[in-house]
Structure formats: structure tokens, C-alpha cells
C-alpha atoms as a PDB file:
ATOM      1  CA  MET A   1      81.854  57.799  99.654  1.00  0.00           C
ATOM      2  CA  THR A   2      80.431  59.699 102.585  1.00  0.00           C
ATOM      3  CA  LEU A   3      80.778  63.473 102.343  1.00  0.00           C
ATOM      4  CA  SER A   4      80.915  64.712 105.916  1.00  0.00           C
ATOM      5  CA  ARG A   5      81.086  68.404 106.783  1.00  0.00           C
ATOM      6  CA  ALA A   6      83.304  67.365 109.665  1.00  0.00           C
ATOM      7  CA  GLY A   7      85.738  65.922 107.159  1.00  0.00           C
ATOM      8  CA  SER A   8      85.980  62.489 108.815  1.00  0.00           C
ATOM      9  CA  ARG A   9      87.207  59.501 106.824  1.00  0.00           C
ATOM     10  CA  SER A  10      85.809  55.999 107.073  1.00  0.00           C
ATOM     11  CA  GLN A  11      88.150  53.112 107.721  1.00  0.00           C
ATOM     12  CA  SER A  12      87.869  51.894 104.118  1.00  0.00           C
ATOM     13  CA  GLU A  13      88.667  54.171 101.163  1.00  0.00           C
ATOM     14  CA  PRO A  14      85.388  55.726  99.872  1.00  0.00           C
ATOM     15  CA  SER A  15      84.320  54.876  96.357  1.00  0.00           C
ATOM     16  CA  THR A  16      83.219  57.168  93.524  1.00  0.00           C
ATOM     17  CA  GLU A  17      80.081  55.099  92.990  1.00  0.00           C
ATOM     18  CA  SER A  18      78.431  56.698  96.043  1.00  0.00           C
ATOM     19  CA  LEU A  19      79.585  60.198  95.185  1.00  0.00           C
ATOM     20  CA  ALA A  20      76.507  61.314  93.248  1.00  0.00           C
ATOM     21  CA  ASP A  21      74.104  60.243  95.993  1.00  0.00           C
ATOM     22  CA  ALA A  22      76.268  61.891  98.624  1.00  0.00           C
ATOM     23  CA  LEU A  23      76.380  65.123  96.640  1.00  0.00           C
ATOM     24  CA  THR A  24      72.620  65.135  96.177  1.00  0.00           C
ATOM     25  CA  ALA A  25      72.006  64.648  99.895  1.00  0.00           C
ATOM     26  CA  LEU A  26      74.554  67.278 100.870  1.00  0.00           C
ATOM     27  CA  CYS A  27      73.209  69.870  98.450  1.00  0.00           C
ATOM     28  CA  ALA A  28      69.752  69.397  99.936  1.00  0.00           C
ATOM     29  CA  GLU A  29      71.182  69.773 103.445  1.00  0.00           C
ATOM     30  CA  VAL A  30      73.123  72.992 102.889  1.00  0.00           C
ATOM     31  CA  GLY A  31      70.895  74.556 100.237  1.00  0.00           C
ATOM     32  CA  ILE A  32      73.423  74.641  97.389  1.00  0.00           C
ATOM     33  CA  PRO A  33      72.241  73.974  93.812  1.00  0.00           C
ATOM     34  CA  PHE A  34      73.366  70.557  92.636  1.00  0.00           C
ATOM     35  CA  GLU A  35      74.761  71.931  89.356  1.00  0.00           C
ATOM     36  CA  GLU A  36      76.930  74.414  91.247  1.00  0.00           C
ATOM     37  CA  MET A  37      78.345  71.745  93.519  1.00  0.00           C
ATOM     38  CA  LEU A  38      78.859  69.338  90.626  1.00  0.00           C
ATOM     39  CA  HIS A  39      80.840  71.970  88.730  1.00  0.00           C
ATOM     40  CA  THR A  40      82.998  72.551  91.816  1.00  0.00           C
ATOM     41  CA  VAL A  41      83.728  68.849  92.185  1.00  0.00           C
ATOM     42  CA  GLU A  42      84.497  68.318  88.492  1.00  0.00           C
ATOM     43  CA  SER A  43      86.835  71.314  88.444  1.00  0.00           C
ATOM     44  CA  ALA A  44      88.660  70.037  91.528  1.00  0.00           C
ATOM     45  CA  LEU A  45      88.969  66.558  90.001  1.00  0.00           C
ATOM     46  CA  ALA A  46      90.401  67.999  86.792  1.00  0.00           C
ATOM     47  CA  ALA A  47      92.974  70.012  88.735  1.00  0.00           C
ATOM     48  CA  ALA A  48      93.903  66.928  90.770  1.00  0.00           C
ATOM     49  CA  TYR A  49      94.289  64.822  87.600  1.00  0.00           C
ATOM     50  CA  ILE A  50      96.620  67.410  86.068  1.00  0.00           C
ATOM     51  CA  ARG A  51      98.758  67.495  89.223  1.00  0.00           C
ATOM     52  CA  ALA A  52      98.979  63.715  89.313  1.00  0.00           C
ATOM     53  CA  PHE A  53      99.602  62.879  85.647  1.00  0.00           C
ATOM     54  CA  ASN A  54     100.448  66.169  83.881  1.00  0.00           C
ATOM     55  CA  PRO A  55      98.691  65.236  80.607  1.00  0.00           C
ATOM     56  CA  PRO A  56      98.832  67.490  77.536  1.00  0.00           C
ATOM     57  CA  GLY A  57      95.884  69.615  76.474  1.00  0.00           C
ATOM     58  CA  ASP A  58      92.891  70.972  78.331  1.00  0.00           C
ATOM     59  CA  VAL A  59      91.733  68.338  80.823  1.00  0.00           C
ATOM     60  CA  ARG A  60      88.092  67.942  81.748  1.00  0.00           C
ATOM     61  CA  VAL A  61      86.548  65.473  84.192  1.00  0.00           C
ATOM     62  CA  THR A  62      82.895  64.539  83.849  1.00  0.00           C
ATOM     63  CA  LEU A  63      81.048  62.795  86.654  1.00  0.00           C
ATOM     64  CA  ASP A  64      78.140  60.561  85.703  1.00  0.00           C
ATOM     65  CA  THR A  65      75.520  61.522  88.282  1.00  0.00           C
ATOM     66  CA  THR A  66      73.695  58.235  87.812  1.00  0.00           C
ATOM     67  CA  THR A  67      76.520  55.727  88.171  1.00  0.00           C
ATOM     68  CA  GLY A  68      79.222  57.844  89.762  1.00  0.00           C
ATOM     69  CA  ALA A  69      81.607  56.886  86.965  1.00  0.00           C
ATOM     70  CA  LEU A  70      84.338  59.297  85.924  1.00  0.00           C
ATOM     71  CA  GLU A  71      85.323  60.217  82.395  1.00  0.00           C
ATOM     72  CA  VAL A  72      88.559  62.137  81.859  1.00  0.00           C
ATOM     73  CA  THR A  73      89.101  63.806  78.493  1.00  0.00           C
ATOM     74  CA  SER A  74      91.823  65.965  77.029  1.00  0.00           C
ATOM     75  CA  ARG A  75      91.281  68.561  74.313  1.00  0.00           C
ATOM     76  CA  ALA A  76      94.233  69.690  72.219  1.00  0.00           C
ATOM     77  CA  VAL A  77      94.606  71.718  69.032  1.00  0.00           C
ATOM     78  CA  ARG A  78      96.905  70.473  66.256  1.00  0.00           C
ATOM     79  CA  PRO A  79      99.131  72.840  64.280  1.00  0.00           C
ATOM     80  CA  ASP A  80      96.619  72.685  61.407  1.00  0.00           C
ATOM     81  CA  GLY A  81      93.910  74.008  63.732  1.00  0.00           C
ATOM     82  CA  THR A  82      91.925  70.802  64.136  1.00  0.00           C
ATOM     83  CA  GLU A  83      90.825  69.827  67.621  1.00  0.00           C
ATOM     84  CA  VAL A  84      91.654  66.438  69.073  1.00  0.00           C
ATOM     85  CA  VAL A  85      89.672  64.984  71.969  1.00  0.00           C
ATOM     86  CA  ARG A  86      91.173  61.986  73.767  1.00  0.00           C
ATOM     87  CA  THR A  87      89.816  59.880  76.582  1.00  0.00           C
ATOM     88  CA  LEU A  88      92.458  59.540  79.280  1.00  0.00           C
ATOM     89  CA  PRO A  89      92.911  56.565  81.618  1.00  0.00           C
ATOM     90  CA  SER A  90      91.182  57.039  84.976  1.00  0.00           C
ATOM     91  CA  GLU A  91      91.547  53.724  86.831  1.00  0.00           C
ATOM     92  CA  ASP A  92      94.568  54.857  88.835  1.00  0.00           C
ATOM     93  CA  PHE A  93      92.903  58.202  89.448  1.00  0.00           C
ATOM     94  CA  LYS A  94      89.712  56.767  90.977  1.00  0.00           C
ATOM     95  CA  ARG A  95      91.529  55.916  94.192  1.00  0.00           C
ATOM     96  CA  MET A  96      92.133  59.584  94.936  1.00  0.00           C
ATOM     97  CA  ALA A  97      89.014  60.975  93.270  1.00  0.00           C
ATOM     98  CA  ALA A  98      86.628  60.489  96.180  1.00  0.00           C
ATOM     99  CA  GLN A  99      88.886  62.197  98.710  1.00  0.00           C
ATOM    100  CA  THR A 100      89.592  65.029  96.270  1.00  0.00           C
ATOM    101  CA  ALA A 101      85.864  65.505  95.731  1.00  0.00           C
ATOM    102  CA  LYS A 102      85.192  65.541  99.454  1.00  0.00           C
ATOM    103  CA  HIS A 103      87.815  68.218 100.061  1.00  0.00           C
ATOM    104  CA  ALA A 104      86.402  70.298  97.195  1.00  0.00           C
ATOM    105  CA  VAL A 105      82.905  70.100  98.653  1.00  0.00           C
ATOM    106  CA  LEU A 106      84.048  71.077 102.144  1.00  0.00           C
ATOM    107  CA  ARG A 107      86.127  73.953 100.780  1.00  0.00           C
ATOM    108  CA  HIS A 108      83.177  75.179  98.702  1.00  0.00           C
ATOM    109  CA  ILE A 109      80.858  75.093 101.707  1.00  0.00           C
ATOM    110  CA  HIS A 110      83.456  76.961 103.756  1.00  0.00           C
ATOM    111  CA  ASP A 111      83.763  79.624 101.056  1.00  0.00           C
ATOM    112  CA  LEU A 112      79.988  80.037 100.859  1.00  0.00           C
ATOM    113  CA  GLU A 113      79.728  80.392 104.636  1.00  0.00           C
ATOM    114  CA  ARG A 114      82.584  82.923 104.617  1.00  0.00           C
ATOM    115  CA  ASP A 115      80.927  84.963 101.870  1.00  0.00           C
ATOM    116  CA  LYS A 116      77.628  84.961 103.756  1.00  0.00           C
ATOM    117  CA  VAL A 117      79.361  86.268 106.877  1.00  0.00           C
ATOM    118  CA  LEU A 118      81.044  88.995 104.834  1.00  0.00           C
ATOM    119  CA  ARG A 119      77.710  89.994 103.303  1.00  0.00           C
ATOM    120  CA  ASP A 120      76.188  90.196 106.765  1.00  0.00           C
ATOM    121  CA  VAL A 121      79.122  92.286 107.967  1.00  0.00           C
ATOM    122  CA  ALA A 122      78.783  94.632 104.993  1.00  0.00           C
ATOM    123  CA  GLU A 123      75.254  95.438 106.150  1.00  0.00           C
ATOM    124  CA  HIS A 124      76.718  96.650 109.475  1.00  0.00           C
ATOM    125  CA  ARG A 125      79.510  98.772 108.035  1.00  0.00           C
ATOM    126  CA  GLY A 126      80.097 101.866 110.144  1.00  0.00           C
ATOM    127  CA  GLU A 127      78.494 100.353 113.235  1.00  0.00           C
ATOM    128  CA  LEU A 128      80.040  99.594 116.611  1.00  0.00           C
ATOM    129  CA  ALA A 129      80.875  96.007 117.515  1.00  0.00           C
ATOM    130  CA  THR A 130      82.241  94.433 120.674  1.00  0.00           C
ATOM    131  CA  GLY A 131      84.842  91.712 120.339  1.00  0.00           C
ATOM    132  CA  ILE A 132      87.586  90.011 122.282  1.00  0.00           C
ATOM    133  CA  VAL A 133      91.221  90.851 121.623  1.00  0.00           C
ATOM    134  CA  ASP A 134      92.728  87.649 120.249  1.00  0.00           C
ATOM    135  CA  ARG A 135      96.354  88.438 119.434  1.00  0.00           C
ATOM    136  CA  SER A 136      98.793  90.965 118.033  1.00  0.00           C
ATOM    137  CA  GLU A 137     101.104  90.173 115.120  1.00  0.00           C
ATOM    138  CA  ASN A 138     103.598  92.661 113.691  1.00  0.00           C
ATOM    139  CA  GLY A 139     101.620  95.545 115.125  1.00  0.00           C
ATOM    140  CA  THR A 140      98.259  94.355 113.777  1.00  0.00           C
ATOM    141  CA  VAL A 141      95.646  93.481 116.394  1.00  0.00           C
ATOM    142  CA  TYR A 142      93.196  90.650 115.683  1.00  0.00           C
ATOM    143  CA  VAL A 143      89.778  90.752 117.340  1.00  0.00           C
ATOM    144  CA  ASP A 144      87.394  87.822 117.744  1.00  0.00           C
ATOM    145  CA  LEU A 145      83.988  89.092 116.589  1.00  0.00           C
ATOM    146  CA  GLY A 146      82.289  85.696 116.725  1.00  0.00           C
ATOM    147  CA  ARG A 147      81.526  84.682 113.148  1.00  0.00           C
ATOM    148  CA  ALA A 148      84.264  86.921 111.732  1.00  0.00           C
ATOM    149  CA  GLU A 149      87.743  88.044 112.689  1.00  0.00           C
ATOM    150  CA  GLY A 150      88.427  91.742 113.036  1.00  0.00           C
ATOM    151  CA  VAL A 151      91.730  93.018 111.680  1.00  0.00           C
ATOM    152  CA  MET A 152      92.983  96.316 113.129  1.00  0.00           C
ATOM    153  CA  PRO A 153      96.201  97.523 111.467  1.00  0.00           C
ATOM    154  CA  PRO A 154      98.442 100.020 113.311  1.00  0.00           C
ATOM    155  CA  GLU A 155      96.933 103.053 111.544  1.00  0.00           C
ATOM    156  CA  GLU A 156      93.474 102.119 112.835  1.00  0.00           C
ATOM    157  CA  GLN A 157      94.611 101.848 116.460  1.00  0.00           C
ATOM    158  CA  ILE A 158      94.696 104.622 119.032  1.00  0.00           C
ATOM    159  CA  PRO A 159      98.407 105.448 119.440  1.00  0.00           C
ATOM    160  CA  GLY A 160      99.791 104.337 122.789  1.00  0.00           C
ATOM    161  CA  GLU A 161      96.755 102.230 123.681  1.00  0.00           C
ATOM    162  CA  GLN A 162      97.514  98.747 124.989  1.00  0.00           C
ATOM    163  CA  LEU A 163      95.002  96.110 123.905  1.00  0.00           C
ATOM    164  CA  ILE A 164      95.358  92.984 126.033  1.00  0.00           C
ATOM    165  CA  PRO A 165      94.470  89.532 124.625  1.00  0.00           C
ATOM    166  CA  GLY A 166      91.360  88.119 126.254  1.00  0.00           C
ATOM    167  CA  ARG A 167      89.925  91.549 127.075  1.00  0.00           C
ATOM    168  CA  PRO A 168      86.790  92.965 125.396  1.00  0.00           C
ATOM    169  CA  VAL A 169      87.269  95.855 122.998  1.00  0.00           C
ATOM    170  CA  LEU A 170      84.871  98.171 121.204  1.00  0.00           C
ATOM    171  CA  VAL A 171      85.547  98.865 117.508  1.00  0.00           C
ATOM    172  CA  VAL A 172      83.815 100.293 114.474  1.00  0.00           C
ATOM    173  CA  ILE A 173      83.430  98.076 111.409  1.00  0.00           C
ATOM    174  CA  LEU A 174      85.027  99.528 108.283  1.00  0.00           C
ATOM    175  CA  ASP A 175      84.907  96.981 105.458  1.00  0.00           C
ATOM    176  CA  ALA A 176      85.291  93.328 104.554  1.00  0.00           C
ATOM    177  CA  GLN A 177      88.695  91.826 103.879  1.00  0.00           C
ATOM    178  CA  ARG A 178      88.345  89.941 100.618  1.00  0.00           C
ATOM    179  CA  ASN A 179      90.930  87.517  99.225  1.00  0.00           C
ATOM    180  CA  THR A 180      91.219  85.607 102.493  1.00  0.00           C
ATOM    181  CA  ARG A 181      90.180  82.081 103.372  1.00  0.00           C
ATOM    182  CA  GLN A 182      88.723  83.262 106.677  1.00  0.00           C
ATOM    183  CA  ALA A 183      85.945  85.808 107.102  1.00  0.00           C
ATOM    184  CA  GLN A 184      87.872  88.923 108.090  1.00  0.00           C
ATOM    185  CA  VAL A 185      86.791  92.541 108.430  1.00  0.00           C
ATOM    186  CA  ARG A 186      88.863  95.677 108.923  1.00  0.00           C
ATOM    187  CA  VAL A 187      87.965  97.454 112.155  1.00  0.00           C
ATOM    188  CA  SER A 188      89.108 100.681 113.759  1.00  0.00           C
ATOM    189  CA  ARG A 189      89.361 102.679 116.950  1.00  0.00           C
ATOM    190  CA  ALA A 190      91.195 105.573 115.297  1.00  0.00           C
ATOM    191  CA  ALA A 191      88.588 106.512 112.692  1.00  0.00           C
ATOM    192  CA  ARG A 192      86.452 109.628 113.102  1.00  0.00           C
ATOM    193  CA  MET A 193      83.457 107.340 112.647  1.00  0.00           C
ATOM    194  CA  PHE A 194      84.404 105.589 115.900  1.00  0.00           C
ATOM    195  CA  VAL A 195      83.906 108.837 117.836  1.00  0.00           C
ATOM    196  CA  HIS A 196      80.685 109.534 115.922  1.00  0.00           C
ATOM    197  CA  ARG A 197      79.237 106.141 116.861  1.00  0.00           C
ATOM    198  CA  LEU A 198      80.349 106.498 120.493  1.00  0.00           C
ATOM    199  CA  MET A 199      78.475 109.783 120.716  1.00  0.00           C
ATOM    200  CA  GLU A 200      75.461 108.258 119.024  1.00  0.00           C
ATOM    201  CA  ALA A 201      75.450 105.454 121.592  1.00  0.00           C
ATOM    202  CA  GLU A 202      75.739 107.832 124.557  1.00  0.00           C
ATOM    203  CA  VAL A 203      73.551 110.720 123.388  1.00  0.00           C
ATOM    204  CA  PRO A 204      69.905 109.750 122.744  1.00  0.00           C
ATOM    205  CA  GLU A 205      69.281 113.030 120.926  1.00  0.00           C
ATOM    206  CA  ILE A 206      71.828 112.065 118.255  1.00  0.00           C
ATOM    207  CA  LYS A 207      70.217 108.661 117.844  1.00  0.00           C
ATOM    208  CA  ALA A 208      66.797 110.322 117.569  1.00  0.00           C
ATOM    209  CA  GLY A 209      68.059 112.897 115.057  1.00  0.00           C
ATOM    210  CA  THR A 210      67.273 116.007 117.093  1.00  0.00           C
ATOM    211  CA  VAL A 211      71.007 116.619 117.459  1.00  0.00           C
ATOM    212  CA  GLN A 212      73.339 116.089 114.500  1.00  0.00           C
ATOM    213  CA  VAL A 213      77.102 115.593 114.317  1.00  0.00           C
ATOM    214  CA  ARG A 214      78.106 117.984 111.517  1.00  0.00           C
ATOM    215  CA  ALA A 215      81.901 117.654 111.466  1.00  0.00           C
ATOM    216  CA  ILE A 216      84.715 115.818 113.259  1.00  0.00           C
ATOM    217  CA  ALA A 217      88.432 116.587 113.317  1.00  0.00           C
ATOM    218  CA  ARG A 218      90.556 114.021 115.110  1.00  0.00           C
ATOM    219  CA  GLU A 219      94.129 113.269 116.053  1.00  0.00           C
ATOM    220  CA  PRO A 220      93.697 109.795 117.617  1.00  0.00           C
ATOM    221  CA  GLY A 221      95.016 109.445 121.129  1.00  0.00           C
ATOM    222  CA  LEU A 222      95.434 113.192 121.533  1.00  0.00           C
ATOM    223  CA  ARG A 223      92.387 115.320 120.815  1.00  0.00           C
ATOM    224  CA  THR A 224      89.148 115.454 118.862  1.00  0.00           C
ATOM    225  CA  LYS A 225      86.857 118.333 118.004  1.00  0.00           C
ATOM    226  CA  VAL A 226      83.206 117.651 117.191  1.00  0.00           C
ATOM    227  CA  ALA A 227      80.744 120.208 115.799  1.00  0.00           C
ATOM    228  CA  VAL A 228      77.073 119.570 116.569  1.00  0.00           C
ATOM    229  CA  SER A 229      73.795 121.274 115.762  1.00  0.00           C
ATOM    230  CA  ALA A 230      70.126 120.901 116.732  1.00  0.00           C
ATOM    231  CA  THR A 231      67.313 120.163 114.299  1.00  0.00           C
ATOM    232  CA  GLU A 232      64.617 121.452 116.622  1.00  0.00           C
ATOM    233  CA  PRO A 233      64.344 124.808 118.416  1.00  0.00           C
ATOM    234  CA  GLY A 234      64.970 124.888 122.140  1.00  0.00           C
ATOM    235  CA  ILE A 235      67.595 122.119 122.132  1.00  0.00           C
ATOM    236  CA  ASP A 236      71.144 122.898 123.247  1.00  0.00           C
ATOM    237  CA  PRO A 237      73.217 120.501 121.120  1.00  0.00           C
ATOM    238  CA  VAL A 238      76.416 120.918 123.111  1.00  0.00           C
ATOM    239  CA  GLY A 239      74.583 120.512 126.418  1.00  0.00           C
ATOM    240  CA  ALA A 240      72.873 117.369 125.145  1.00  0.00           C
ATOM    241  CA  CYS A 241      76.238 115.826 124.242  1.00  0.00           C
ATOM    242  CA  VAL A 242      77.853 116.796 127.543  1.00  0.00           C
ATOM    243  CA  GLY A 243      74.896 115.477 129.528  1.00  0.00           C
ATOM    244  CA  PRO A 244      73.788 116.190 133.115  1.00  0.00           C
ATOM    245  CA  LYS A 245      76.909 116.978 135.159  1.00  0.00           C
ATOM    246  CA  GLY A 246      79.002 115.891 132.185  1.00  0.00           C
ATOM    247  CA  VAL A 247      78.023 112.225 132.491  1.00  0.00           C
ATOM    248  CA  ARG A 248      77.735 111.598 128.749  1.00  0.00           C
ATOM    249  CA  HIS A 249      80.973 113.378 127.951  1.00  0.00           C
ATOM    250  CA  ARG A 250      82.805 111.345 130.598  1.00  0.00           C
ATOM    251  CA  ALA A 251      81.382 108.087 129.240  1.00  0.00           C
ATOM    252  CA  ILE A 252      82.771 108.893 125.799  1.00  0.00           C
ATOM    253  CA  LEU A 253      86.134 109.923 127.227  1.00  0.00           C
ATOM    254  CA  SER A 254      86.398 106.686 129.221  1.00  0.00           C
ATOM    255  CA  GLU A 255      86.366 104.686 125.980  1.00  0.00           C
ATOM    256  CA  LEU A 256      89.081 106.873 124.439  1.00  0.00           C
ATOM    257  CA  SER A 257      91.562 106.652 127.317  1.00  0.00           C
ATOM    258  CA  SER A 258      93.563 109.901 127.453  1.00  0.00           C
ATOM    259  CA  GLU A 259      92.109 111.458 124.290  1.00  0.00           C
ATOM    260  CA  HIS A 260      90.283 114.712 124.935  1.00  0.00           C
ATOM    261  CA  ILE A 261      87.102 115.798 123.116  1.00  0.00           C
ATOM    262  CA  ASP A 262      85.938 119.353 122.498  1.00  0.00           C
ATOM    263  CA  ILE A 263      82.260 119.619 121.586  1.00  0.00           C
ATOM    264  CA  VAL A 264      81.445 122.893 119.848  1.00  0.00           C
ATOM    265  CA  PRO A 265      78.302 124.348 118.246  1.00  0.00           C
ATOM    266  CA  TRP A 266      78.042 124.222 114.466  1.00  0.00           C
ATOM    267  CA  SER A 267      77.076 127.445 112.696  1.00  0.00           C
ATOM    268  CA  ASP A 268      76.326 128.386 109.095  1.00  0.00           C
ATOM    269  CA  ASP A 269      78.004 131.702 109.891  1.00  0.00           C
ATOM    270  CA  PRO A 270      81.722 131.051 109.255  1.00  0.00           C
ATOM    271  CA  GLU A 271      82.834 133.765 111.710  1.00  0.00           C
ATOM    272  CA  ALA A 272      80.828 132.191 114.523  1.00  0.00           C
ATOM    273  CA  PHE A 273      81.895 128.662 113.586  1.00  0.00           C
ATOM    274  CA  VAL A 274      85.607 129.522 113.472  1.00  0.00           C
ATOM    275  CA  ALA A 275      85.355 131.315 116.822  1.00  0.00           C
ATOM    276  CA  ALA A 276      83.621 128.313 118.407  1.00  0.00           C
ATOM    277  CA  SER A 277      86.107 125.851 116.898  1.00  0.00           C
ATOM    278  CA  LEU A 278      88.994 127.444 118.807  1.00  0.00           C
ATOM    279  CA  GLY A 279      87.373 126.687 122.162  1.00  0.00           C
ATOM    280  CA  PRO A 280      88.162 126.633 124.994  1.00  0.00           C
ATOM    281  CA  ALA A 281      89.913 129.851 123.908  1.00  0.00           C
ATOM    282  CA  LYS A 282      87.666 132.900 123.504  1.00  0.00           C
ATOM    283  CA  ALA A 283      87.985 134.830 120.245  1.00  0.00           C
ATOM    284  CA  GLU A 284      87.619 138.616 120.352  1.00  0.00           C
ATOM    285  CA  SER A 285      86.939 138.898 116.639  1.00  0.00           C
ATOM    286  CA  VAL A 286      87.006 136.853 113.439  1.00  0.00           C
ATOM    287  CA  SER A 287      87.510 138.192 109.936  1.00  0.00           C
ATOM    288  CA  ILE A 288      86.754 135.888 107.003  1.00  0.00           C
ATOM    289  CA  ASP A 289      88.221 136.050 103.500  1.00  0.00           C
ATOM    290  CA  ARG A 290      85.930 133.723 101.582  1.00  0.00           C
ATOM    291  CA  GLY A 291      87.995 133.859  98.421  1.00  0.00           C
ATOM    292  CA  SER A 292      91.105 132.388 100.043  1.00  0.00           C
ATOM    293  CA  ARG A 293      89.109 130.604 102.757  1.00  0.00           C
ATOM    294  CA  THR A 294      91.219 132.306 105.410  1.00  0.00           C
ATOM    295  CA  ALA A 295      90.032 133.343 108.864  1.00  0.00           C
ATOM    296  CA  THR A 296      91.947 135.936 110.847  1.00  0.00           C
ATOM    297  CA  VAL A 297      91.205 135.538 114.550  1.00  0.00           C
ATOM    298  CA  LEU A 298      92.080 137.995 117.309  1.00  0.00           C
ATOM    299  CA  VAL A 299      92.347 136.546 120.808  1.00  0.00           C
ATOM    300  CA  PRO A 300      93.380 138.066 124.138  1.00  0.00           C
ATOM    301  CA  ARG A 301      97.124 137.800 124.621  1.00  0.00           C
ATOM    302  CA  SER A 302      96.494 135.815 127.800  1.00  0.00           C
ATOM    303  CA  GLN A 303      94.699 133.147 125.762  1.00  0.00           C
ATOM    304  CA  LEU A 304      97.087 132.966 122.831  1.00  0.00           C
ATOM    305  CA  SER A 305      98.744 129.734 123.979  1.00  0.00           C
ATOM    306  CA  LEU A 306      95.320 128.237 124.699  1.00  0.00           C
ATOM    307  CA  ALA A 307      94.081 129.093 121.217  1.00  0.00           C
ATOM    308  CA  ILE A 308      97.189 127.645 119.615  1.00  0.00           C
ATOM    309  CA  GLY A 309      97.347 124.557 121.808  1.00  0.00           C
ATOM    310  CA  ARG A 310     100.308 122.290 122.468  1.00  0.00           C
ATOM    311  CA  ASP A 311     102.395 122.006 119.300  1.00  0.00           C
ATOM    312  CA  GLY A 312      99.679 123.979 117.492  1.00  0.00           C
ATOM    313  CA  GLN A 313      97.163 121.185 117.999  1.00  0.00           C
ATOM    314  CA  ASN A 314      94.111 123.282 118.915  1.00  0.00           C
ATOM    315  CA  ALA A 315      94.531 125.618 115.966  1.00  0.00           C
ATOM    316  CA  ARG A 316      95.286 122.729 113.621  1.00  0.00           C
ATOM    317  CA  LEU A 317      92.150 120.801 114.602  1.00  0.00           C
ATOM    318  CA  ALA A 318      90.046 123.974 114.335  1.00  0.00           C
ATOM    319  CA  ALA A 319      91.301 124.404 110.769  1.00  0.00           C
ATOM    320  CA  LYS A 320      90.431 120.791 109.929  1.00  0.00           C
ATOM    321  CA  LEU A 321      86.992 121.150 111.506  1.00  0.00           C
ATOM    322  CA  THR A 322      86.028 124.364 109.722  1.00  0.00           C
ATOM    323  CA  GLY A 323      87.925 123.976 106.442  1.00  0.00           C
ATOM    324  CA  TYR A 324      89.460 127.437 106.855  1.00  0.00           C
ATOM    325  CA  ARG A 325      93.101 128.456 107.113  1.00  0.00           C
ATOM    326  CA  ILE A 326      93.216 130.168 110.494  1.00  0.00           C
ATOM    327  CA  ASP A 327      95.577 133.045 111.387  1.00  0.00           C
ATOM    328  CA  ILE A 328      95.582 133.625 115.134  1.00  0.00           C
ATOM    329  CA  LYS A 329      96.789 136.991 116.348  1.00  0.00           C
ATOM    330  CA  ALA A 330      97.142 138.446 119.810  1.00  0.00           C
ATOM    331  CA  GLY A 331      97.122 141.983 121.120  1.00  0.00           C
ATOM    332  CA  GLU A 332      98.515 144.393 118.562  1.00  0.00           C
ATOM    333  CA  ASN A 333      99.472 141.654 116.098  1.00  0.00           C
ATOM    334  CA  ASP A 334     102.932 141.233 117.601  1.00  0.00           C
ATOM    335  CA  GLU A 335     102.434 137.482 117.854  1.00  0.00           C
ATOM    336  CA  GLN A 336     100.833 135.225 115.255  1.00  0.00           C
ATOM    337  CA  VAL A 337     100.336 131.580 114.342  1.00  0.00           C
ATOM    338  CA  ASP A 338      98.909 130.134 111.150  1.00  0.00           C
ATOM    339  CA  ALA A 339      96.886 126.924 110.928  1.00  0.00           C
ATOM    340  CA  GLU A 340      95.769 125.404 107.678  1.00  0.00           C
ATOM    341  CA  PRO A 341      93.024 122.886 106.985  1.00  0.00           C
ATOM    342  CA  PRO A 342      93.968 119.613 105.328  1.00  0.00           C
ATOM    343  CA  THR A 343      94.169 119.681 101.544  1.00  0.00           C
END
């Protein structure tokens, strides 16, 4: 029998007598231990024998690696507890044994290659990857990443974004999809990590570590707030992320379609951080209750709607970014809105 990775069949039915030699050569070619491959083949042969003849007991197939001969045995336990081992007929089985073995070998090689791809992908978890949109099925988008297939479920997509098959798409790798025959990985464009990696790609200071992304609050497709800080004196972290004439900020926005990004300075002072998080609105004062983690913010009445944002979005994202429940008040406290961080 010739074991071909292409799975081709010769004109005459392959024989078991050449199986051992073929296995030895193939194991040397693909770098798989012979004992591992032999166990795979014997297990597949036993399963095939059971399907074909349905014998009683625990069936085991042993392949003689010298002659290629097959021995099929059945182990059963009698009511008195004694074990009975019987040799089962294998002449009729030999005709299908070679093809069964070949399929087992090819499947095992495929599984090993898949697992290697998944291990490689795991090393790049959280990194950006460019793929080609392949198809969409029941709301899930599949992306061709080369050696693996990216799976992007609806919750990992930017709402309202249209991904067209055949077009390139940038994603962030989340994790491997186990329990599949094909090497698949879950990818995202809606994760906060996606924005983080976009900024890292566009802002050299983040890549170099002189500017750090400290927190991200995101509502995909709508708005994102990012808090940044500098690790060296004299560096403006917000200015570095915006770039000369806003070029870096625009590059990030272009990848996110209509989603807006606010970049604000991080501060260890909660009053200053809460005030900055409500940008572009300007806070007149911030009072912090550390026990209840509540921030009361006073803003000019003219900026109340700006501080709150459409449907409360700006205040809500500020609360998520800072971890504080934010009470926004205007003027003489005749108008107020509360925003709470996520639990």
C-alpha cells in the first residue's frame, strides 16, 4: 500500500503487506514518531472492524511491523470474572484495512498540522492580523488568514459595518477555536484590544513604551475613550497620539469607520482624571467620594448636553473609563444626570 499525503489511490487495491514500510517512510518524512503513528493506525483499524462486524468484547488490532500481517483479538469478561481472549477472523477485513489505515494516517497528519497552526496562533494572541473576508454565515464573518481561518461572531464585529467578501480586513486575534477539524481562531474588530493595537501601530511612542495606554472604554461603532500617560518627562501623551495636524488620530479613525475616539490624559488624581474623561466638555469642579466611588461634577450649563452626550453616551463612557459613578450637575443644580461605571 502506498500512503500518499495527497490521498491518491492506485489502480489496484493496496495490500497490508506494504503498510509497515509505508508507515516507516512516512513517519520519517513528516517527523512523527513511528509508535505514535502505529497506535493511530491500529486504533482506526479496530474501530473499522467493529463497524464492519460488530463483534462482542473489546476489540484490538495489532499490526506486525515486520510482515504487515494483522491480528484481531477480542477481550471479554465472563460472569465469573475470568477474561476470555479470542482471535477473530481477519481475511475479509484485510481488503478494507489498507484504505482505512491510509485515511487514519492522513487524518492524523492533518490534525497535527492543525494543532501546530493553533500553537503558532496562540503565540500571536492579542496582535493585529490582516486577512481577506471569505464569507458570512448566519451573521458570523469568516476571514482567510492564510494558514488559519478567522471566525468573527456578531458580538466581535463593529455594528453597522459591512465587510465585503474578497476585501482585506484588519482584525485582532483573540484565541484558538478548539474542537474543530480546521484550524480556526476567534478574531475581533469590536474588542478594546483592537483599538489598543491600532494606536500602537500608529503611535511610535506607544510601541516604544514612552507613552502608555492606561484605560479604554468602548461602545463599538459609536465612541471610544482612551486614557494615556507618558513614562518620561517632557512628552505630551495626548499630543503624541493625535500626531502632527491630527494625522495619527485620523489614521486610527479611518480604520474604525464612523466610530469616534476621545484621547484623554490619565491622572493618578481622581478629580483630574474624571474631569478629563468628560472631554470635550470642560468641568468647573469635581468632588470625589472615595467611599462610594462617586464623582460629582459641575459643568457650565451651556456644556451640560456636551458632558452628557447623546443618549448619555459621553457620561457613560467616562464612568467606564474612570471606574467612578459620575453625577453631572449644571448651574445651581437644577439639572442633573447620573452615570455609573460597569459592575
